[in-house]
Protein backbone atom coordinates (compact mmCIF):
# COMPACT_ATOMS: atom_id res chain seq x y z
CA MET A 1 -16.41 18.29 -15.41
CA ASN A 2 -13.66 15.90 -16.55
CA GLU A 3 -10.81 16.40 -14.05
CA LYS A 4 -7.59 14.46 -14.32
CA PRO A 5 -6.67 12.36 -11.28
CA ALA A 6 -4.11 13.71 -8.82
CA PHE A 7 -1.71 10.80 -9.34
CA TRP A 8 0.77 10.83 -12.21
CA PHE A 9 0.80 7.08 -12.97
CA PRO A 10 -2.41 4.97 -12.87
CA VAL A 11 -2.44 1.26 -12.11
CA LYS A 12 -2.73 -1.07 -15.10
CA ALA A 13 -6.09 -2.59 -15.97
CA TYR A 14 -4.57 -6.06 -16.25
CA GLY A 15 -1.72 -7.40 -14.16
CA TRP A 16 0.22 -5.60 -11.43
CA GLY A 17 2.00 -2.29 -11.67
CA TRP A 18 1.52 1.05 -13.36
CA GLY A 19 0.56 2.15 -16.83
CA PRO A 20 1.62 5.18 -18.87
CA PRO A 21 1.45 8.61 -17.20
CA VAL A 22 -1.82 10.54 -17.14
CA ARG A 23 -0.40 13.96 -16.23
CA TRP A 24 2.29 16.07 -17.85
CA GLN A 25 4.55 15.70 -14.79
CA GLY A 26 4.63 11.95 -15.29
CA TRP A 27 5.55 12.39 -18.95
CA VAL A 28 8.41 14.71 -17.93
CA VAL A 29 9.68 12.11 -15.46
CA LEU A 30 9.47 9.35 -18.07
CA GLY A 31 11.20 11.52 -20.68
CA LEU A 32 13.97 12.41 -18.22
CA TYR A 33 14.45 8.70 -17.51
CA PHE A 34 15.04 8.00 -21.20
CA VAL A 35 17.38 10.99 -21.48
CA LEU A 36 19.40 9.65 -18.53
CA ILE A 37 19.57 6.18 -20.10
CA GLY A 38 20.74 7.71 -23.39
CA ALA A 39 23.32 9.86 -21.59
CA GLY A 40 24.65 6.81 -19.79
CA ILE A 41 24.96 4.89 -23.04
CA HIS A 42 26.66 7.84 -24.71
CA ALA A 43 29.07 8.39 -21.81
CA PHE A 44 30.06 4.83 -20.99
CA ALA A 45 29.52 2.62 -24.04
CA PRO A 46 32.29 4.12 -26.26
CA GLN A 47 34.88 3.43 -23.54
CA GLY A 48 33.51 -0.06 -22.97
CA ASP A 49 32.95 0.58 -19.25
CA VAL A 50 30.13 -1.92 -18.84
CA VAL A 51 30.03 -1.73 -15.04
CA ALA A 52 29.59 2.06 -15.07
CA LEU A 53 26.88 1.73 -17.73
CA ILE A 54 24.97 -0.84 -15.69
CA VAL A 55 25.31 1.26 -12.52
CA SER A 56 24.02 4.37 -14.33
CA ILE A 57 21.03 2.46 -15.75
CA LEU A 58 20.24 0.94 -12.34
CA ALA A 59 20.46 4.36 -10.65
CA ALA A 60 18.08 5.91 -13.20
CA THR A 61 15.69 2.96 -12.86
CA VAL A 62 15.68 3.08 -9.06
CA ALA A 63 14.95 6.82 -9.22
CA LEU A 64 12.10 6.23 -11.69
CA VAL A 65 10.54 3.49 -9.57
CA ALA A 66 10.81 5.66 -6.44
CA ILE A 67 9.00 8.52 -8.18
CA VAL A 68 6.32 6.20 -9.59
CA VAL A 69 5.70 4.69 -6.15
CA ALA A 70 5.50 8.17 -4.58
CA LYS A 71 3.33 9.77 -7.28
CA GLY A 72 1.43 6.81 -8.68
CA GLU A 73 -1.88 5.22 -7.80
CA ARG A 74 -1.47 2.50 -5.18
CA PRO A 75 -1.70 -0.98 -6.72
CA VAL A 76 -3.69 -3.26 -4.44
CA GLY A 77 -3.07 -6.57 -6.13
CA TRP A 78 -3.34 -8.33 -9.43
CA ARG A 79 -6.02 -6.80 -11.66
CA TRP A 80 -8.15 -8.66 -14.18
CA GLY A 81 -9.69 -5.64 -15.89
CA LYS A 82 -12.92 -3.90 -15.05
CA ARG A 83 -15.39 -6.13 -13.26
CA ARG A 84 -19.11 -5.43 -13.31
């Protein structure tokens, strides 16, 4: 019985933070993030509206981090890999 964990984003083995998604929902969220970044670049870069581009990227990033915090494994500190 090899069940996937309930969280979408596991903590990294080394360092602090989260690694790549382990469930399809996490991959959808990550893909949507990149689509939003691309849409912001497409919408604001041709007009040269740098402030709007930065705001759109920050909004997408804040949303991504909020989802990862809500649906990810809780990091409990700096990790040095698996210890025996």
